[in-house]
Amino acid sequence: MKRFPSILLICLSLIAGLPGCYMSRYSKSGELDMADPAYAELMPFSANFDKALYKARLEVNGHEFSGLMMIKTSEGTNYKVSFFSELGLNFFDFELRDVGSTNGLNLYVRNIYPPLDKNMLLNKFEKYFSMLLAPGPSGDVRKTYLAQEGIGIMILMKSYKGKDGYISTNLIEPYKEIVNVGGLFKKEKISIALSYNAGADSPESILIDQPGFRMKFSLRFVE
């Protein structure tokens, strides 16, 4: 009987090292006090952000929607997101409100194209925009991890769904990637890749991918 705990620990160690575990790409580094307001500026949309227009394409379950997306601030920490075709068809019009969720914004539907009006999709949209627009890891002590290949520092935090990891090259430049991981195997559930123009208050490009859900959302800034 005394052997069982040891066997369980061995099994858990093997599980943690499986390729499906996203965290196996990183080694734990320590903790970082992110109380300095400068860390908030690492978020994709800076404190000075007002609004931005993107060329957008949404691919979901074999269907494609393309057009323009406007993201703009509303009443301080709230946001409005509108996605519409270049012919004027409104795919959706959302408001995201800060109600105190852990790294989350609540999504309210103001208007939506019926084929996209599905609770599962709306929950996905709420999570994507929360990862991009919510306060993120600044303001508290967070666990840090170093990439085992290449250069990258990940700040990991609990969120209202799993854990969100914010990855920067050097904690000076804005986050270049945001991931959501969860479950026993710490699998990557959502990946958001970001690129920037120097001095911009919002990303130049955003690519959202959710493995296993057949969804991709790409945005490119319109000058």
C-alpha atoms as a PDB file:
ATOM      1  CA  MET A   1       0.000   0.000   0.000  1.00  0.00           C
ATOM      2  CA  LYS A   2       2.842   2.398   0.706  1.00  0.00           C
ATOM      3  CA  ARG A   3       3.966   2.182  -2.901  1.00  0.00           C
ATOM      4  CA  PHE A   4       0.832   3.736  -4.362  1.00  0.00           C
ATOM      5  CA  PRO A   5       1.662   7.399  -3.622  1.00  0.00           C
ATOM      6  CA  SER A   6       5.099   6.952  -5.208  1.00  0.00           C
ATOM      7  CA  ILE A   7       3.608   5.349  -8.309  1.00  0.00           C
ATOM      8  CA  LEU A   8       1.068   8.186  -8.550  1.00  0.00           C
ATOM      9  CA  LEU A   9       3.827  10.798  -8.360  1.00  0.00           C
ATOM     10  CA  ILE A  10       5.793   9.036 -11.102  1.00  0.00           C
ATOM     11  CA  CYS A  11       2.703   8.923 -13.345  1.00  0.00           C
ATOM     12  CA  LEU A  12       1.992  12.594 -12.800  1.00  0.00           C
ATOM     13  CA  SER A  13       5.592  13.480 -13.635  1.00  0.00           C
ATOM     14  CA  LEU A  14       5.368  11.530 -16.883  1.00  0.00           C
ATOM     15  CA  ILE A  15       2.074  13.193 -17.778  1.00  0.00           C
ATOM     16  CA  ALA A  16       3.542  16.650 -17.154  1.00  0.00           C
ATOM     17  CA  GLY A  17       6.324  15.926 -19.634  1.00  0.00           C
ATOM     18  CA  LEU A  18       4.088  14.830 -22.492  1.00  0.00           C
ATOM     19  CA  PRO A  19       4.327  16.830 -25.762  1.00  0.00           C
ATOM     20  CA  GLY A  20       0.697  17.946 -25.308  1.00  0.00           C
ATOM     21  CA  CYS A  21       1.672  19.982 -22.261  1.00  0.00           C
ATOM     22  CA  TYR A  22       2.242  23.549 -23.439  1.00  0.00           C
ATOM     23  CA  MET A  23       4.150  24.443 -20.276  1.00  0.00           C
ATOM     24  CA  SER A  24       6.868  21.913 -21.183  1.00  0.00           C
ATOM     25  CA  ARG A  25       8.169  24.577 -23.619  1.00  0.00           C
ATOM     26  CA  TYR A  26       9.029  26.825 -20.668  1.00  0.00           C
ATOM     27  CA  SER A  27      11.054  26.475 -17.499  1.00  0.00           C
ATOM     28  CA  LYS A  28       9.973  28.223 -14.306  1.00  0.00           C
ATOM     29  CA  SER A  29      12.055  31.292 -13.572  1.00  0.00           C
ATOM     30  CA  GLY A  30      10.542  32.826 -10.441  1.00  0.00           C
ATOM     31  CA  GLU A  31       8.134  35.608  -9.551  1.00  0.00           C
ATOM     32  CA  LEU A  32       7.896  39.223 -10.644  1.00  0.00           C
ATOM     33  CA  ASP A  33       6.211  42.110  -8.849  1.00  0.00           C
ATOM     34  CA  MET A  34       4.391  43.924 -11.653  1.00  0.00           C
ATOM     35  CA  ALA A  35       3.156  46.857  -9.562  1.00  0.00           C
ATOM     36  CA  ASP A  36       5.116  49.355 -11.691  1.00  0.00           C
ATOM     37  CA  PRO A  37       2.606  51.054 -14.065  1.00  0.00           C
ATOM     38  CA  ALA A  38       5.111  50.616 -16.905  1.00  0.00           C
ATOM     39  CA  TYR A  39       4.156  46.923 -17.106  1.00  0.00           C
ATOM     40  CA  ALA A  40       0.612  47.896 -18.130  1.00  0.00           C
ATOM     41  CA  GLU A  41       2.131  49.390 -21.310  1.00  0.00           C
ATOM     42  CA  LEU A  42       3.140  45.892 -22.443  1.00  0.00           C
ATOM     43  CA  MET A  43      -0.504  45.133 -23.234  1.00  0.00           C
ATOM     44  CA  PRO A  44      -1.447  45.140 -26.950  1.00  0.00           C
ATOM     45  CA  PHE A  45      -3.710  48.183 -26.570  1.00  0.00           C
ATOM     46  CA  SER A  46      -1.978  50.913 -24.574  1.00  0.00           C
ATOM     47  CA  ALA A  47      -3.481  53.320 -22.038  1.00  0.00           C
ATOM     48  CA  ASN A  48      -3.459  55.996 -24.780  1.00  0.00           C
ATOM     49  CA  PHE A  49      -5.449  53.850 -27.190  1.00  0.00           C
ATOM     50  CA  ASP A  50      -8.618  55.455 -28.550  1.00  0.00           C
ATOM     51  CA  LYS A  51      -9.684  53.553 -31.650  1.00  0.00           C
ATOM     52  CA  ALA A  52      -8.293  51.469 -34.523  1.00  0.00           C
ATOM     53  CA  LEU A  53      -9.631  50.097 -37.800  1.00  0.00           C
ATOM     54  CA  TYR A  54      -8.589  46.640 -39.001  1.00  0.00           C
ATOM     55  CA  LYS A  55      -9.028  44.595 -42.131  1.00  0.00           C
ATOM     56  CA  ALA A  56     -10.527  41.414 -40.649  1.00  0.00           C
ATOM     57  CA  ARG A  57     -11.178  37.837 -41.677  1.00  0.00           C
ATOM     58  CA  LEU A  58     -12.986  35.272 -39.559  1.00  0.00           C
ATOM     59  CA  GLU A  59     -12.888  31.582 -40.475  1.00  0.00           C
ATOM     60  CA  VAL A  60     -15.179  29.328 -38.454  1.00  0.00           C
ATOM     61  CA  ASN A  61     -16.273  25.763 -39.225  1.00  0.00           C
ATOM     62  CA  GLY A  62     -15.498  26.148 -42.934  1.00  0.00           C
ATOM     63  CA  HIS A  63     -17.302  29.489 -43.305  1.00  0.00           C
ATOM     64  CA  GLU A  64     -15.513  32.778 -43.970  1.00  0.00           C
ATOM     65  CA  PHE A  65     -16.510  36.321 -43.064  1.00  0.00           C
ATOM     66  CA  SER A  66     -14.347  39.233 -44.182  1.00  0.00           C
ATOM     67  CA  GLY A  67     -14.549  42.979 -43.897  1.00  0.00           C
ATOM     68  CA  LEU A  68     -13.503  45.703 -41.475  1.00  0.00           C
ATOM     69  CA  MET A  69     -13.370  45.766 -37.690  1.00  0.00           C
ATOM     70  CA  MET A  70     -13.437  48.860 -35.514  1.00  0.00           C
ATOM     71  CA  ILE A  71     -12.182  48.631 -31.938  1.00  0.00           C
ATOM     72  CA  LYS A  72     -12.576  51.680 -29.723  1.00  0.00           C
ATOM     73  CA  THR A  73     -12.622  52.622 -26.072  1.00  0.00           C
ATOM     74  CA  SER A  74     -15.884  53.416 -24.324  1.00  0.00           C
ATOM     75  CA  GLU A  75     -16.209  54.947 -20.874  1.00  0.00           C
ATOM     76  CA  GLY A  76     -12.663  54.332 -19.693  1.00  0.00           C
ATOM     77  CA  THR A  77     -12.078  50.594 -19.290  1.00  0.00           C
ATOM     78  CA  ASN A  78     -14.919  49.452 -21.577  1.00  0.00           C
ATOM     79  CA  TYR A  79     -14.688  48.824 -25.329  1.00  0.00           C
ATOM     80  CA  LYS A  80     -16.864  48.615 -28.432  1.00  0.00           C
ATOM     81  CA  VAL A  81     -16.055  46.177 -31.225  1.00  0.00           C
ATOM     82  CA  SER A  82     -17.854  46.292 -34.579  1.00  0.00           C
ATOM     83  CA  PHE A  83     -17.252  43.864 -37.474  1.00  0.00           C
ATOM     84  CA  PHE A  84     -18.901  44.627 -40.804  1.00  0.00           C
ATOM     85  CA  SER A  85     -18.493  43.751 -44.477  1.00  0.00           C
ATOM     86  CA  GLU A  86     -17.220  46.339 -46.938  1.00  0.00           C
ATOM     87  CA  LEU A  87     -20.734  46.303 -48.448  1.00  0.00           C
ATOM     88  CA  GLY A  88     -22.214  47.355 -45.110  1.00  0.00           C
ATOM     89  CA  LEU A  89     -23.479  44.029 -43.682  1.00  0.00           C
ATOM     90  CA  ASN A  90     -23.086  44.104 -39.888  1.00  0.00           C
ATOM     91  CA  PHE A  91     -21.595  40.800 -38.710  1.00  0.00           C
ATOM     92  CA  PHE A  92     -21.587  41.838 -35.071  1.00  0.00           C
ATOM     93  CA  ASP A  93     -21.570  44.836 -32.782  1.00  0.00           C
ATOM     94  CA  PHE A  94     -20.298  44.096 -29.253  1.00  0.00           C
ATOM     95  CA  GLU A  95     -19.704  46.017 -26.076  1.00  0.00           C
ATOM     96  CA  LEU A  96     -17.138  44.662 -23.600  1.00  0.00           C
ATOM     97  CA  ARG A  97     -17.520  45.866 -20.042  1.00  0.00           C
ATOM     98  CA  ASP A  98     -15.148  45.635 -17.115  1.00  0.00           C
ATOM     99  CA  VAL A  99     -17.156  44.118 -14.257  1.00  0.00           C
ATOM    100  CA  GLY A 100     -14.263  42.852 -12.165  1.00  0.00           C
ATOM    101  CA  SER A 101     -13.824  39.324 -13.595  1.00  0.00           C
ATOM    102  CA  THR A 102     -10.315  37.866 -13.313  1.00  0.00           C
ATOM    103  CA  ASN A 103      -8.684  39.067 -16.535  1.00  0.00           C
ATOM    104  CA  GLY A 104     -12.085  39.131 -18.179  1.00  0.00           C
ATOM    105  CA  LEU A 105     -14.516  41.553 -19.808  1.00  0.00           C
ATOM    106  CA  ASN A 106     -18.213  40.741 -20.103  1.00  0.00           C
ATOM    107  CA  LEU A 107     -19.507  40.703 -23.668  1.00  0.00           C
ATOM    108  CA  TYR A 108     -22.858  42.318 -24.479  1.00  0.00           C
ATOM    109  CA  VAL A 109     -24.392  41.858 -27.924  1.00  0.00           C
ATOM    110  CA  ARG A 110     -25.821  44.998 -29.462  1.00  0.00           C
ATOM    111  CA  ASN A 111     -26.329  43.445 -32.908  1.00  0.00           C
ATOM    112  CA  ILE A 112     -25.262  40.202 -34.598  1.00  0.00           C
ATOM    113  CA  TYR A 113     -25.640  38.395 -37.928  1.00  0.00           C
ATOM    114  CA  PRO A 114     -27.890  35.337 -37.198  1.00  0.00           C
ATOM    115  CA  PRO A 115     -25.410  32.623 -38.375  1.00  0.00           C
ATOM    116  CA  LEU A 116     -22.942  33.908 -35.722  1.00  0.00           C
ATOM    117  CA  ASP A 117     -25.537  34.150 -32.958  1.00  0.00           C
ATOM    118  CA  LYS A 118     -24.526  30.999 -31.100  1.00  0.00           C
ATOM    119  CA  ASN A 119     -23.654  30.883 -27.407  1.00  0.00           C
ATOM    120  CA  MET A 120     -20.537  28.811 -27.987  1.00  0.00           C
ATOM    121  CA  LEU A 121     -19.205  31.363 -30.488  1.00  0.00           C
ATOM    122  CA  LEU A 122     -20.104  34.298 -28.266  1.00  0.00           C
ATOM    123  CA  ASN A 123     -18.202  32.710 -25.372  1.00  0.00           C
ATOM    124  CA  LYS A 124     -15.158  32.337 -27.642  1.00  0.00           C
ATOM    125  CA  PHE A 125     -15.348  35.968 -28.753  1.00  0.00           C
ATOM    126  CA  GLU A 126     -15.650  37.104 -25.144  1.00  0.00           C
ATOM    127  CA  LYS A 127     -12.497  35.174 -24.214  1.00  0.00           C
ATOM    128  CA  TYR A 128     -10.466  36.410 -27.230  1.00  0.00           C
ATOM    129  CA  PHE A 129     -11.238  40.065 -26.627  1.00  0.00           C
ATOM    130  CA  SER A 130     -10.710  39.681 -22.883  1.00  0.00           C
ATOM    131  CA  MET A 131      -7.197  38.352 -23.486  1.00  0.00           C
ATOM    132  CA  LEU A 132      -6.482  41.363 -25.705  1.00  0.00           C
ATOM    133  CA  LEU A 133      -8.282  44.157 -23.872  1.00  0.00           C
ATOM    134  CA  ALA A 134      -8.535  43.203 -20.178  1.00  0.00           C
ATOM    135  CA  PRO A 135      -5.915  44.573 -17.734  1.00  0.00           C
ATOM    136  CA  GLY A 136      -3.658  41.513 -18.046  1.00  0.00           C
ATOM    137  CA  PRO A 137      -0.954  40.570 -15.539  1.00  0.00           C
ATOM    138  CA  SER A 138       0.206  44.043 -14.465  1.00  0.00           C
ATOM    139  CA  GLY A 139      -0.387  45.237 -10.924  1.00  0.00           C
ATOM    140  CA  ASP A 140       0.339  42.028  -9.010  1.00  0.00           C
ATOM    141  CA  VAL A 141       3.035  39.430  -8.309  1.00  0.00           C
ATOM    142  CA  ARG A 142       3.108  36.874 -11.147  1.00  0.00           C
ATOM    143  CA  LYS A 143       4.929  33.651 -11.926  1.00  0.00           C
ATOM    144  CA  THR A 144       7.515  33.941 -14.704  1.00  0.00           C
ATOM    145  CA  TYR A 145       8.816  31.332 -17.155  1.00  0.00           C
ATOM    146  CA  LEU A 146      11.663  31.343 -19.675  1.00  0.00           C
ATOM    147  CA  ALA A 147      11.348  29.801 -23.143  1.00  0.00           C
ATOM    148  CA  GLN A 148      13.494  26.694 -23.483  1.00  0.00           C
ATOM    149  CA  GLU A 149      13.987  27.408 -27.190  1.00  0.00           C
ATOM    150  CA  GLY A 150      14.445  30.907 -28.590  1.00  0.00           C
ATOM    151  CA  ILE A 151      13.945  34.083 -26.596  1.00  0.00           C
ATOM    152  CA  GLY A 152      10.852  34.766 -24.557  1.00  0.00           C
ATOM    153  CA  ILE A 153       9.581  35.476 -21.071  1.00  0.00           C
ATOM    154  CA  MET A 154       6.071  34.340 -20.171  1.00  0.00           C
ATOM    155  CA  ILE A 155       4.055  35.935 -17.383  1.00  0.00           C
ATOM    156  CA  LEU A 156       1.388  33.457 -16.264  1.00  0.00           C
ATOM    157  CA  MET A 157      -1.799  34.425 -14.456  1.00  0.00           C
ATOM    158  CA  LYS A 158      -5.098  32.843 -13.495  1.00  0.00           C
ATOM    159  CA  SER A 159      -8.111  33.973 -15.485  1.00  0.00           C
ATOM    160  CA  TYR A 160     -11.819  33.278 -15.400  1.00  0.00           C
ATOM    161  CA  LYS A 161     -11.097  30.455 -17.866  1.00  0.00           C
ATOM    162  CA  GLY A 162      -7.874  28.501 -17.323  1.00  0.00           C
ATOM    163  CA  LYS A 163      -4.616  30.442 -17.205  1.00  0.00           C
ATOM    164  CA  ASP A 164      -3.456  33.215 -19.529  1.00  0.00           C
ATOM    165  CA  GLY A 165       0.200  33.521 -20.483  1.00  0.00           C
ATOM    166  CA  TYR A 166       1.605  36.828 -21.781  1.00  0.00           C
ATOM    167  CA  ILE A 167       4.868  36.422 -23.687  1.00  0.00           C
ATOM    168  CA  SER A 168       7.380  39.201 -24.315  1.00  0.00           C
ATOM    169  CA  THR A 169      10.878  39.206 -25.740  1.00  0.00           C
ATOM    170  CA  ASN A 170      12.351  41.276 -22.921  1.00  0.00           C
ATOM    171  CA  LEU A 171       9.519  42.800 -20.810  1.00  0.00           C
ATOM    172  CA  ILE A 172      10.263  46.124 -22.504  1.00  0.00           C
ATOM    173  CA  GLU A 173       8.624  45.508 -25.876  1.00  0.00           C
ATOM    174  CA  PRO A 174       4.857  44.754 -25.927  1.00  0.00           C
ATOM    175  CA  TYR A 175       3.641  41.179 -25.631  1.00  0.00           C
ATOM    176  CA  LYS A 176       4.241  39.290 -28.870  1.00  0.00           C
ATOM    177  CA  GLU A 177       1.979  36.372 -28.000  1.00  0.00           C
ATOM    178  CA  ILE A 178      -0.856  35.576 -25.609  1.00  0.00           C
ATOM    179  CA  VAL A 179      -1.922  32.005 -24.861  1.00  0.00           C
ATOM    180  CA  ASN A 180      -4.624  30.358 -22.804  1.00  0.00           C
ATOM    181  CA  VAL A 181      -3.821  26.960 -21.294  1.00  0.00           C
ATOM    182  CA  GLY A 182      -5.866  24.649 -19.136  1.00  0.00           C
ATOM    183  CA  GLY A 183      -6.818  21.153 -18.098  1.00  0.00           C
ATOM    184  CA  LEU A 184      -4.760  18.373 -16.530  1.00  0.00           C
ATOM    185  CA  PHE A 185      -2.289  18.378 -19.432  1.00  0.00           C
ATOM    186  CA  LYS A 186      -1.954  22.203 -19.549  1.00  0.00           C
ATOM    187  CA  LYS A 187      -2.792  22.137 -23.253  1.00  0.00           C
ATOM    188  CA  GLU A 188      -2.751  25.277 -25.362  1.00  0.00           C
ATOM    189  CA  LYS A 189      -6.382  26.238 -25.952  1.00  0.00           C
ATOM    190  CA  ILE A 190      -6.004  29.666 -27.574  1.00  0.00           C
ATOM    191  CA  SER A 191      -3.042  31.369 -29.230  1.00  0.00           C
ATOM    192  CA  ILE A 192      -2.911  35.051 -30.195  1.00  0.00           C
ATOM    193  CA  ALA A 193       0.122  36.227 -32.210  1.00  0.00           C
ATOM    194  CA  LEU A 194       0.819  39.973 -32.327  1.00  0.00           C
ATOM    195  CA  SER A 195       3.054  42.358 -34.277  1.00  0.00           C
ATOM    196  CA  TYR A 196       3.538  46.110 -33.879  1.00  0.00           C
ATOM    197  CA  ASN A 197       4.763  49.270 -35.526  1.00  0.00           C
ATOM    198  CA  ALA A 198       7.104  51.305 -33.331  1.00  0.00           C
ATOM    199  CA  GLY A 199       5.285  53.808 -31.112  1.00  0.00           C
ATOM    200  CA  ALA A 200       1.783  52.562 -32.017  1.00  0.00           C
ATOM    201  CA  ASP A 201      -0.986  52.353 -29.402  1.00  0.00           C
ATOM    202  CA  SER A 202      -2.430  49.173 -30.929  1.00  0.00           C
ATOM    203  CA  PRO A 203      -1.080  46.111 -32.786  1.00  0.00           C
ATOM    204  CA  GLU A 204      -0.266  46.142 -36.483  1.00  0.00           C
ATOM    205  CA  SER A 205      -1.569  42.575 -36.821  1.00  0.00           C
ATOM    206  CA  ILE A 206      -3.473  40.110 -34.675  1.00  0.00           C
ATOM    207  CA  LEU A 207      -3.852  36.393 -35.440  1.00  0.00           C
ATOM    208  CA  ILE A 208      -6.155  34.384 -33.168  1.00  0.00           C
ATOM    209  CA  ASP A 209      -6.079  30.607 -33.457  1.00  0.00           C
ATOM    210  CA  GLN A 210      -7.927  28.012 -31.395  1.00  0.00           C
ATOM    211  CA  PRO A 211      -6.578  24.519 -32.103  1.00  0.00           C
ATOM    212  CA  GLY A 212      -9.283  21.894 -32.375  1.00  0.00           C
ATOM    213  CA  PHE A 213     -12.118  24.386 -32.842  1.00  0.00           C
ATOM    214  CA  ARG A 214     -11.616  25.194 -36.538  1.00  0.00           C
ATOM    215  CA  MET A 215     -11.536  28.913 -35.889  1.00  0.00           C
ATOM    216  CA  LYS A 216      -9.083  31.585 -37.011  1.00  0.00           C
ATOM    217  CA  PHE A 217      -9.464  35.317 -36.698  1.00  0.00           C
ATOM    218  CA  SER A 218      -6.939  37.578 -38.439  1.00  0.00           C
ATOM    219  CA  LEU A 219      -6.755  41.372 -38.276  1.00  0.00           C
ATOM    220  CA  ARG A 220      -4.420  43.818 -39.989  1.00  0.00           C
ATOM    221  CA  PHE A 221      -4.333  47.519 -39.162  1.00  0.00           C
ATOM    222  CA  VAL A 222      -5.696  49.893 -41.808  1.00  0.00           C
ATOM    223  CA  GLU A 223      -3.739  53.145 -42.125  1.00  0.00           C
END
